[in-house]
Every structure is written in C-alpha cells, then in structure tokens.
Amino acid sequence: MIRELWKKLNAILRQASTGNGKPQILDPAEILGTGYRDMRRLAEQITAHAERAPYPHVAERLRQIAFEKQRCATILKEKILGLGRELEESQLELKSGKNHWERMVQDLEDQKSLETFFSEQAARLVDEAAEIADLLKKVVAEQLPHKETLLDLVMRADPQAEQN
C-alpha cells in the first residue's frame, strides 16, 4: 500500500514543473547533458574570474576549483557517451561582475544552483536509474568543498573595491 502511494507520488512529482517553469527532465542522459553543460560553463567562468583575481593565491584557488569542475564535467561526458548519446558542444555564456566580489558572488550562486540541480535529479532517478543517481550524488559530494571555498572568498572580498 505504502509502496504504491510512493510510486504515485513519484509519478506526480516527475510530471510537475520546476520552479523556473521548465518541465523536469526525465531522461538520465538529458540530465547528465544538462549537468555537463552547466558544470563546464561554471568551470570556464571560474577560470575567467581567476584571470582577473586581485591576488595570486586567490587566482590559484579559483584555478584549482575550475580544474576539478572540468574533471567532473569530463566524467559526466564520458558517462553520456557511454550511454550511446552524443553531446553538442556549444558556446557557453559566462557570467561576470564589475568587481572581484560580484564575480565571487556569481560563482557561489551558480555553484549552489548546480548543486541543487544534481541533488534534485539524483533523488528523482534513484528508482529508475540508480547508477546515474549514485553518480550525481558523488558529484554533489565532490562539489561541497568548492561551495565552502567560494563562500570564504566572498566573505574575504571587499564589495566596495572596483577591481577589474
């Protein structure tokens, strides 16, 4: 009885739309593709922000985060290709800010959004595609230090500084 209710609830949740009005993605390969593109975009964005960082040690921390994100994106890409799907490599729209603080806030917001996406999709796929759900959970776990580092950088950055 409870199992049947759980299945019905899952079916209803899968049909619901996300908060931004877009329909939820149900295909594991599409979820991986979206995650791959978002992870790759954030890696490139953080790399660009590292080039404009005010201090060498900050730039190095950002480059390390970007490297780890790119490595994670590569794992997602390999999984997608392993599922027999192809990826369209498109130009990515990078976000920025007028100073270092705004760039760090943007990176932190994007990091949180990406983490939420992976967590929600892992929960939705746990029954239908357990292997993919486990991969997404692993991605979230590996991203937690990035959020902490970005939060630290935001707190240390001077929002009044007009650094380029």
N, C-alpha and C. Protein backbone atom coordinates (compact mmCIF):
# COMPACT_ATOMS: atom_id res chain seq x y z
N MET A 1 0.82 -1.19 0.00
CA MET A 1 0.00 0.00 0.00
C MET A 1 0.87 1.26 0.00
N ILE A 2 1.81 1.34 0.95
CA ILE A 2 2.69 2.50 1.03
C ILE A 2 3.57 2.59 -0.21
N ARG A 3 4.04 1.46 -0.68
CA ARG A 3 4.89 1.44 -1.89
C ARG A 3 4.11 1.99 -3.09
N GLU A 4 2.85 1.61 -3.22
CA GLU A 4 2.01 2.10 -4.32
C GLU A 4 1.81 3.60 -4.22
N LEU A 5 1.57 4.11 -3.01
CA LEU A 5 1.43 5.55 -2.82
C LEU A 5 2.71 6.28 -3.18
N TRP A 6 3.83 5.69 -2.79
CA TRP A 6 5.12 6.28 -3.10
C TRP A 6 5.33 6.37 -4.61
N LYS A 7 4.99 5.32 -5.33
CA LYS A 7 5.12 5.32 -6.79
C LYS A 7 4.23 6.38 -7.42
N LYS A 8 3.01 6.52 -6.92
CA LYS A 8 2.10 7.54 -7.44
C LYS A 8 2.63 8.94 -7.17
N LEU A 9 3.15 9.15 -5.97
CA LEU A 9 3.72 10.44 -5.62
C LEU A 9 4.92 10.75 -6.52
N ASN A 10 5.77 9.78 -6.74
CA ASN A 10 6.92 9.98 -7.63
C ASN A 10 6.46 10.33 -9.04
N ALA A 11 5.43 9.65 -9.52
CA ALA A 11 4.91 9.94 -10.86
C ALA A 11 4.39 11.37 -10.95
N ILE A 12 3.70 11.81 -9.92
CA ILE A 12 3.19 13.19 -9.90
C ILE A 12 4.34 14.18 -9.87
N LEU A 13 5.35 13.92 -9.05
CA LEU A 13 6.49 14.82 -8.96
C LEU A 13 7.25 14.90 -10.27
N ARG A 14 7.37 13.78 -10.97
CA ARG A 14 8.06 13.78 -12.25
C ARG A 14 7.33 14.60 -13.29
N GLN A 15 6.02 14.70 -13.18
CA GLN A 15 5.24 15.45 -14.16
C GLN A 15 5.18 16.93 -13.83
N ALA A 16 5.49 17.28 -12.59
CA ALA A 16 5.42 18.69 -12.19
C ALA A 16 6.52 19.48 -12.88
N SER A 17 6.37 20.78 -12.88
CA SER A 17 7.41 21.62 -13.48
C SER A 17 8.32 22.13 -12.39
N THR A 18 9.54 22.52 -12.79
CA THR A 18 10.49 23.08 -11.84
C THR A 18 10.09 24.50 -11.53
N GLY A 19 10.78 25.10 -10.59
CA GLY A 19 10.46 26.44 -10.15
C GLY A 19 10.56 27.49 -11.24
N ASN A 20 11.38 27.27 -12.25
CA ASN A 20 11.54 28.28 -13.29
C ASN A 20 10.58 28.06 -14.46
N GLY A 21 9.62 27.18 -14.32
CA GLY A 21 8.61 26.98 -15.35
C GLY A 21 8.97 25.97 -16.42
N LYS A 22 10.21 25.49 -16.41
CA LYS A 22 10.62 24.49 -17.39
C LYS A 22 10.17 23.11 -16.93
N PRO A 23 9.78 22.23 -17.85
CA PRO A 23 9.40 20.88 -17.43
C PRO A 23 10.63 20.13 -16.91
N GLN A 24 10.41 19.24 -15.97
CA GLN A 24 11.52 18.48 -15.43
C GLN A 24 12.05 17.51 -16.49
N ILE A 25 13.33 17.29 -16.43
CA ILE A 25 13.98 16.36 -17.33
C ILE A 25 13.86 14.97 -16.73
N LEU A 26 13.40 14.02 -17.52
CA LEU A 26 13.24 12.66 -17.01
C LEU A 26 14.28 11.70 -17.55
N ASP A 27 14.81 11.97 -18.73
CA ASP A 27 15.78 11.09 -19.36
C ASP A 27 17.15 11.26 -18.68
N PRO A 28 17.72 10.18 -18.14
CA PRO A 28 19.01 10.29 -17.46
C PRO A 28 20.11 10.91 -18.33
N ALA A 29 20.14 10.58 -19.61
CA ALA A 29 21.15 11.16 -20.49
C ALA A 29 20.95 12.67 -20.66
N GLU A 30 19.70 13.11 -20.70
CA GLU A 30 19.44 14.56 -20.78
C GLU A 30 19.85 15.25 -19.49
N ILE A 31 19.59 14.61 -18.36
CA ILE A 31 20.00 15.17 -17.07
C ILE A 31 21.52 15.30 -17.04
N LEU A 32 22.21 14.26 -17.45
CA LEU A 32 23.67 14.30 -17.48
C LEU A 32 24.15 15.38 -18.44
N GLY A 33 23.49 15.52 -19.58
CA GLY A 33 23.88 16.54 -20.55
C GLY A 33 23.72 17.94 -20.01
N THR A 34 22.61 18.18 -19.33
CA THR A 34 22.40 19.49 -18.72
C THR A 34 23.44 19.75 -17.64
N GLY A 35 23.68 18.76 -16.82
CA GLY A 35 24.69 18.89 -15.77
C GLY A 35 26.07 19.11 -16.34
N TYR A 36 26.38 18.40 -17.41
CA TYR A 36 27.69 18.55 -18.07
C TYR A 36 27.87 19.97 -18.59
N ARG A 37 26.88 20.48 -19.29
CA ARG A 37 26.99 21.84 -19.85
C ARG A 37 27.11 22.89 -18.74
N ASP A 38 26.31 22.73 -17.70
CA ASP A 38 26.37 23.69 -16.59
C ASP A 38 27.69 23.60 -15.83
N MET A 39 28.19 22.41 -15.64
CA MET A 39 29.47 22.22 -14.95
C MET A 39 30.61 22.80 -15.80
N ARG A 40 30.59 22.52 -17.08
CA ARG A 40 31.61 23.05 -17.99
C ARG A 40 31.57 24.58 -18.03
N ARG A 41 30.35 25.13 -18.07
CA ARG A 41 30.21 26.58 -18.11
C ARG A 41 30.78 27.21 -16.85
N LEU A 42 30.46 26.62 -15.69
CA LEU A 42 30.96 27.16 -14.44
C LEU A 42 32.47 27.02 -14.35
N ALA A 43 33.02 25.93 -14.84
CA ALA A 43 34.48 25.76 -14.84
C ALA A 43 35.14 26.86 -15.68
N GLU A 44 34.61 27.13 -16.85
CA GLU A 44 35.17 28.19 -17.71
C GLU A 44 34.98 29.56 -17.08
N GLN A 45 33.84 29.78 -16.47
CA GLN A 45 33.55 31.06 -15.82
C GLN A 45 34.54 31.31 -14.68
N ILE A 46 34.77 30.30 -13.86
CA ILE A 46 35.70 30.44 -12.73
C ILE A 46 37.13 30.63 -13.24
N THR A 47 37.48 29.97 -14.33
CA THR A 47 38.80 30.17 -14.93
C THR A 47 38.96 31.63 -15.36
N ALA A 48 37.94 32.18 -15.99
CA ALA A 48 37.97 33.58 -16.42
C ALA A 48 38.08 34.51 -15.21
N HIS A 49 37.39 34.17 -14.14
CA HIS A 49 37.44 35.00 -12.93
C HIS A 49 38.80 34.88 -12.24
N ALA A 50 39.44 33.74 -12.36
CA ALA A 50 40.78 33.56 -11.80
C ALA A 50 41.77 34.50 -12.48
N GLU A 51 41.58 34.70 -13.78
CA GLU A 51 42.48 35.59 -14.52
C GLU A 51 42.36 37.04 -14.05
N ARG A 52 41.23 37.39 -13.45
CA ARG A 52 41.00 38.76 -13.00
C ARG A 52 41.07 38.90 -11.48
N ALA A 53 41.46 37.83 -10.79
CA ALA A 53 41.53 37.84 -9.33
C ALA A 53 42.59 38.83 -8.86
N PRO A 54 42.34 39.51 -7.74
CA PRO A 54 43.25 40.55 -7.28
C PRO A 54 44.56 40.03 -6.67
N TYR A 55 44.59 38.78 -6.24
CA TYR A 55 45.77 38.23 -5.58
C TYR A 55 46.12 36.87 -6.16
N PRO A 56 47.42 36.57 -6.26
CA PRO A 56 47.84 35.29 -6.84
C PRO A 56 47.27 34.07 -6.10
N HIS A 57 47.20 34.12 -4.77
CA HIS A 57 46.70 32.96 -4.03
C HIS A 57 45.21 32.74 -4.30
N VAL A 58 44.46 33.81 -4.52
CA VAL A 58 43.03 33.69 -4.86
C VAL A 58 42.90 33.10 -6.26
N ALA A 59 43.71 33.60 -7.17
CA ALA A 59 43.68 33.08 -8.54
C ALA A 59 43.99 31.59 -8.56
N GLU A 60 44.95 31.18 -7.75
CA GLU A 60 45.33 29.76 -7.71
C GLU A 60 44.19 28.91 -7.15
N ARG A 61 43.52 29.38 -6.11
CA ARG A 61 42.38 28.64 -5.55
C ARG A 61 41.27 28.50 -6.59
N LEU A 62 41.01 29.57 -7.32
CA LEU A 62 39.97 29.53 -8.36
C LEU A 62 40.36 28.59 -9.49
N ARG A 63 41.62 28.62 -9.90
CA ARG A 63 42.08 27.71 -10.98
C ARG A 63 41.94 26.26 -10.55
N GLN A 64 42.21 25.97 -9.27
CA GLN A 64 42.08 24.60 -8.77
C GLN A 64 40.62 24.16 -8.79
N ILE A 65 39.71 25.03 -8.38
CA ILE A 65 38.28 24.71 -8.43
C ILE A 65 37.86 24.46 -9.87
N ALA A 66 38.29 25.34 -10.78
CA ALA A 66 37.93 25.20 -12.20
C ALA A 66 38.46 23.88 -12.76
N PHE A 67 39.68 23.52 -12.40
CA PHE A 67 40.27 22.26 -12.85
C PHE A 67 39.44 21.06 -12.38
N GLU A 68 39.05 21.08 -11.11
CA GLU A 68 38.26 19.98 -10.55
C GLU A 68 36.87 19.91 -11.20
N LYS A 69 36.29 21.06 -11.51
CA LYS A 69 35.00 21.09 -12.18
C LYS A 69 35.13 20.54 -13.60
N GLN A 70 36.19 20.90 -14.28
CA GLN A 70 36.40 20.39 -15.64
C GLN A 70 36.59 18.88 -15.62
N ARG A 71 37.31 18.39 -14.62
CA ARG A 71 37.50 16.94 -14.48
C ARG A 71 36.15 16.24 -14.25
N CYS A 72 35.31 16.85 -13.44
CA CYS A 72 33.97 16.31 -13.18
C CYS A 72 33.13 16.34 -14.46
N ALA A 73 33.23 17.43 -15.21
CA ALA A 73 32.50 17.55 -16.47
C ALA A 73 32.93 16.45 -17.44
N THR A 74 34.21 16.13 -17.44
CA THR A 74 34.72 15.07 -18.31
C THR A 74 34.12 13.72 -17.92
N ILE A 75 33.98 13.46 -16.63
CA ILE A 75 33.37 12.21 -16.16
C ILE A 75 31.92 12.13 -16.64
N LEU A 76 31.19 13.25 -16.52
CA LEU A 76 29.80 13.28 -16.98
C LEU A 76 29.73 13.05 -18.49
N LYS A 77 30.63 13.66 -19.22
CA LYS A 77 30.66 13.50 -20.68
C LYS A 77 30.91 12.03 -21.05
N GLU A 78 31.85 11.41 -20.39
CA GLU A 78 32.15 10.00 -20.67
C GLU A 78 30.94 9.12 -20.38
N LYS A 79 30.21 9.42 -19.32
CA LYS A 79 29.02 8.65 -18.98
C LYS A 79 27.95 8.82 -20.06
N ILE A 80 27.78 10.04 -20.54
CA ILE A 80 26.80 10.31 -21.60
C ILE A 80 27.16 9.54 -22.86
N LEU A 81 28.42 9.61 -23.24
CA LEU A 81 28.88 8.90 -24.44
C LEU A 81 28.74 7.39 -24.24
N GLY A 82 28.97 6.93 -23.00
CA GLY A 82 28.81 5.51 -22.68
C GLY A 82 27.36 5.05 -22.78
N LEU A 83 26.43 5.98 -22.66
CA LEU A 83 25.01 5.66 -22.81
C LEU A 83 24.59 5.68 -24.29
N GLY A 84 25.56 5.92 -25.16
CA GLY A 84 25.26 5.93 -26.59
C GLY A 84 24.69 7.25 -27.08
N ARG A 85 24.81 8.29 -26.30
CA ARG A 85 24.31 9.61 -26.69
C ARG A 85 25.46 10.48 -27.16
N GLU A 86 25.11 11.50 -27.91
CA GLU A 86 26.12 12.45 -28.36
C GLU A 86 25.90 13.77 -27.65
N LEU A 87 26.96 14.55 -27.60
CA LEU A 87 26.90 15.86 -26.97
C LEU A 87 27.16 16.94 -28.00
N GLU A 88 26.38 17.98 -27.90
CA GLU A 88 26.60 19.13 -28.75
C GLU A 88 27.40 20.14 -27.95
N GLU A 89 28.63 20.38 -28.39
CA GLU A 89 29.48 21.35 -27.70
C GLU A 89 29.16 22.74 -28.24
N SER A 90 28.51 23.53 -27.42
CA SER A 90 28.10 24.86 -27.87
C SER A 90 28.87 25.93 -27.10
N GLN A 91 28.81 27.15 -27.62
CA GLN A 91 29.42 28.29 -26.95
C GLN A 91 28.68 28.52 -25.63
N LEU A 92 29.41 28.74 -24.59
CA LEU A 92 28.82 28.91 -23.27
C LEU A 92 28.79 30.37 -22.88
N GLU A 93 27.69 30.79 -22.27
CA GLU A 93 27.55 32.17 -21.82
C GLU A 93 28.08 32.28 -20.39
N LEU A 94 29.21 32.97 -20.26
CA LEU A 94 29.82 33.14 -18.95
C LEU A 94 29.29 34.41 -18.30
N LYS A 95 29.08 34.33 -17.00
CA LYS A 95 28.60 35.48 -16.23
C LYS A 95 29.79 36.14 -15.55
N SER A 96 29.66 37.41 -15.25
CA SER A 96 30.74 38.13 -14.61
C SER A 96 30.19 39.16 -13.64
N GLY A 97 30.99 40.13 -13.29
CA GLY A 97 30.59 41.21 -12.40
C GLY A 97 31.58 42.35 -12.54
N LYS A 98 31.23 43.49 -11.97
CA LYS A 98 32.08 44.67 -12.15
C LYS A 98 33.32 44.65 -11.26
N ASN A 99 33.30 43.81 -10.21
CA ASN A 99 34.48 43.69 -9.36
C ASN A 99 34.62 42.25 -8.87
N HIS A 100 35.70 42.02 -8.17
CA HIS A 100 36.01 40.66 -7.70
C HIS A 100 34.89 40.11 -6.82
N TRP A 101 34.37 40.92 -5.91
CA TRP A 101 33.31 40.47 -5.02
C TRP A 101 32.09 40.01 -5.82
N GLU A 102 31.65 40.79 -6.78
CA GLU A 102 30.48 40.41 -7.60
C GLU A 102 30.73 39.13 -8.37
N ARG A 103 31.95 38.96 -8.87
CA ARG A 103 32.27 37.72 -9.59
C ARG A 103 32.22 36.52 -8.66
N MET A 104 32.73 36.68 -7.44
CA MET A 104 32.71 35.58 -6.47
C MET A 104 31.27 35.25 -6.04
N VAL A 105 30.45 36.29 -5.87
CA VAL A 105 29.05 36.05 -5.52
C VAL A 105 28.36 35.29 -6.66
N GLN A 106 28.63 35.68 -7.91
CA GLN A 106 28.03 34.99 -9.05
C GLN A 106 28.46 33.53 -9.09
N ASP A 107 29.74 33.28 -8.87
CA ASP A 107 30.24 31.90 -8.88
C ASP A 107 29.60 31.08 -7.76
N LEU A 108 29.45 31.68 -6.60
CA LEU A 108 28.82 30.99 -5.47
C LEU A 108 27.36 30.67 -5.77
N GLU A 109 26.63 31.63 -6.32
CA GLU A 109 25.22 31.39 -6.68
C GLU A 109 25.10 30.29 -7.71
N ASP A 110 25.97 30.32 -8.72
CA ASP A 110 25.94 29.29 -9.76
C ASP A 110 26.31 27.92 -9.18
N GLN A 111 27.25 27.91 -8.24
CA GLN A 111 27.64 26.67 -7.57
C GLN A 111 26.46 26.07 -6.82
N LYS A 112 25.77 26.91 -6.06
CA LYS A 112 24.61 26.44 -5.30
C LYS A 112 23.51 25.92 -6.22
N SER A 113 23.27 26.62 -7.31
CA SER A 113 22.25 26.20 -8.27
C SER A 113 22.60 24.85 -8.89
N LEU A 114 23.85 24.68 -9.24
CA LEU A 114 24.31 23.41 -9.83
C LEU A 114 24.18 22.27 -8.82
N GLU A 115 24.55 22.54 -7.59
CA GLU A 115 24.43 21.54 -6.53
C GLU A 115 22.97 21.14 -6.32
N THR A 116 22.08 22.11 -6.32
CA THR A 116 20.65 21.84 -6.16
C THR A 116 20.14 20.99 -7.32
N PHE A 117 20.53 21.34 -8.53
CA PHE A 117 20.11 20.58 -9.71
C PHE A 117 20.52 19.11 -9.57
N PHE A 118 21.80 18.87 -9.27
CA PHE A 118 22.28 17.49 -9.16
C PHE A 118 21.58 16.74 -8.03
N SER A 119 21.37 17.39 -6.89
CA SER A 119 20.71 16.73 -5.77
C SER A 119 19.27 16.36 -6.11
N GLU A 120 18.54 17.29 -6.71
CA GLU A 120 17.14 17.02 -7.07
C GLU A 120 17.04 15.91 -8.11
N GLN A 121 17.90 15.95 -9.10
CA GLN A 121 17.84 14.93 -10.14
C GLN A 121 18.25 13.56 -9.60
N ALA A 122 19.21 13.52 -8.70
CA ALA A 122 19.60 12.24 -8.08
C ALA A 122 18.42 11.64 -7.33
N ALA A 123 17.68 12.47 -6.62
CA ALA A 123 16.51 11.99 -5.87
C ALA A 123 15.44 11.46 -6.82
N ARG A 124 15.26 12.10 -7.96
CA ARG A 124 14.24 11.66 -8.92
C ARG A 124 14.64 10.36 -9.63
N LEU A 125 15.93 10.15 -9.80
CA LEU A 125 16.39 8.99 -10.56
C LEU A 125 16.71 7.77 -9.71
N VAL A 126 16.59 7.90 -8.40
CA VAL A 126 17.03 6.82 -7.51
C VAL A 126 16.38 5.48 -7.84
N ASP A 127 15.11 5.47 -8.25
CA ASP A 127 14.45 4.19 -8.58
C ASP A 127 14.67 3.76 -10.02
N GLU A 128 14.58 4.71 -10.94
CA GLU A 128 14.64 4.37 -12.37
C GLU A 128 16.06 4.18 -12.90
N ALA A 129 17.01 4.91 -12.34
CA ALA A 129 18.39 4.84 -12.83
C ALA A 129 19.34 5.02 -11.65
N ALA A 130 19.42 4.01 -10.82
CA ALA A 130 20.19 4.09 -9.58
C ALA A 130 21.66 4.42 -9.82
N GLU A 131 22.24 3.88 -10.89
CA GLU A 131 23.65 4.13 -11.19
C GLU A 131 23.89 5.61 -11.48
N ILE A 132 22.98 6.21 -12.25
CA ILE A 132 23.09 7.64 -12.56
C ILE A 132 22.86 8.46 -11.30
N ALA A 133 21.88 8.08 -10.49
CA ALA A 133 21.61 8.78 -9.23
C ALA A 133 22.85 8.75 -8.33
N ASP A 134 23.52 7.61 -8.26
CA ASP A 134 24.73 7.50 -7.45
C ASP A 134 25.84 8.41 -7.98
N LEU A 135 25.96 8.48 -9.30
CA LEU A 135 26.96 9.35 -9.91
C LEU A 135 26.66 10.81 -9.55
N LEU A 136 25.41 11.20 -9.63
CA LEU A 136 25.03 12.58 -9.31
C LEU A 136 25.28 12.89 -7.84
N LYS A 137 25.02 11.94 -6.96
CA LYS A 137 25.30 12.13 -5.54
C LYS A 137 26.80 12.31 -5.30
N LYS A 138 27.58 11.53 -6.04
CA LYS A 138 29.04 11.64 -5.92
C LYS A 138 29.51 13.01 -6.40
N VAL A 139 28.91 13.51 -7.48
CA VAL A 139 29.24 14.83 -7.99
C VAL A 139 28.95 15.89 -6.93
N VAL A 140 27.79 15.79 -6.30
CA VAL A 140 27.42 16.75 -5.25
C VAL A 140 28.44 16.71 -4.12
N ALA A 141 28.80 15.52 -3.68
CA ALA A 141 29.76 15.38 -2.59
C ALA A 141 31.11 16.00 -2.94
N GLU A 142 31.54 15.81 -4.19
CA GLU A 142 32.83 16.36 -4.62
C GLU A 142 32.78 17.88 -4.77
N GLN A 143 31.59 18.44 -4.93
CA GLN A 143 31.44 19.88 -5.12
C GLN A 143 31.34 20.65 -3.81
N LEU A 144 31.05 19.98 -2.70
CA LEU A 144 30.88 20.67 -1.42
C LEU A 144 32.07 21.54 -1.03
N PRO A 145 33.31 21.07 -1.18
CA PRO A 145 34.44 21.95 -0.84
C PRO A 145 34.49 23.22 -1.70
N HIS A 146 34.01 23.13 -2.93
CA HIS A 146 34.00 24.31 -3.80
C HIS A 146 33.09 25.38 -3.24
N LYS A 147 31.92 24.96 -2.75
CA LYS A 147 30.99 25.92 -2.19
C LYS A 147 31.61 26.60 -0.97
N GLU A 148 32.27 25.82 -0.14
CA GLU A 148 32.91 26.37 1.06
C GLU A 148 34.01 27.35 0.68
N THR A 149 34.81 27.01 -0.31
CA THR A 149 35.90 27.90 -0.75
C THR A 149 35.34 29.18 -1.34
N LEU A 150 34.33 29.05 -2.19
CA LEU A 150 33.74 30.25 -2.80
C LEU A 150 33.09 31.14 -1.73
N LEU A 151 32.45 30.53 -0.75
CA LEU A 151 31.86 31.30 0.34
C LEU A 151 32.95 32.06 1.10
N ASP A 152 34.05 31.39 1.36
CA ASP A 152 35.18 32.03 2.03
C ASP A 152 35.71 33.20 1.20
N LEU A 153 35.84 33.02 -0.10
CA LEU A 153 36.33 34.09 -0.97
C LEU A 153 35.36 35.27 -1.01
N VAL A 154 34.07 34.99 -1.00
CA VAL A 154 33.08 36.07 -0.98
C VAL A 154 33.22 36.86 0.32
N MET A 155 33.36 36.16 1.43
CA MET A 155 33.45 36.85 2.72
C MET A 155 34.72 37.69 2.83
N ARG A 156 35.79 37.27 2.17
CA ARG A 156 37.07 37.98 2.25
C ARG A 156 37.16 39.11 1.22
N ALA A 157 36.33 39.06 0.20
CA ALA A 157 36.39 40.07 -0.86
C ALA A 157 35.76 41.38 -0.38
N ASP A 158 36.30 42.48 -0.83
CA ASP A 158 35.79 43.79 -0.48
C ASP A 158 34.76 44.21 -1.51
N PRO A 159 33.47 44.28 -1.15
CA PRO A 159 32.45 44.63 -2.15
C PRO A 159 32.56 46.06 -2.65
N GLN A 160 33.32 46.90 -1.95
CA GLN A 160 33.48 48.29 -2.38
C GLN A 160 34.64 48.47 -3.36
N ALA A 161 35.47 47.45 -3.45
CA ALA A 161 36.62 47.56 -4.33
C ALA A 161 36.20 47.51 -5.79
N GLU A 162 36.74 48.39 -6.58
CA GLU A 162 36.41 48.43 -8.00
C GLU A 162 37.51 47.74 -8.81
N GLN A 163 37.86 46.55 -8.36
CA GLN A 163 38.92 45.80 -9.04
C GLN A 163 38.39 45.24 -10.34
N ASN A 164 39.23 45.20 -11.32
CA ASN A 164 38.86 44.60 -12.60
C ASN A 164 39.32 43.20 -12.57
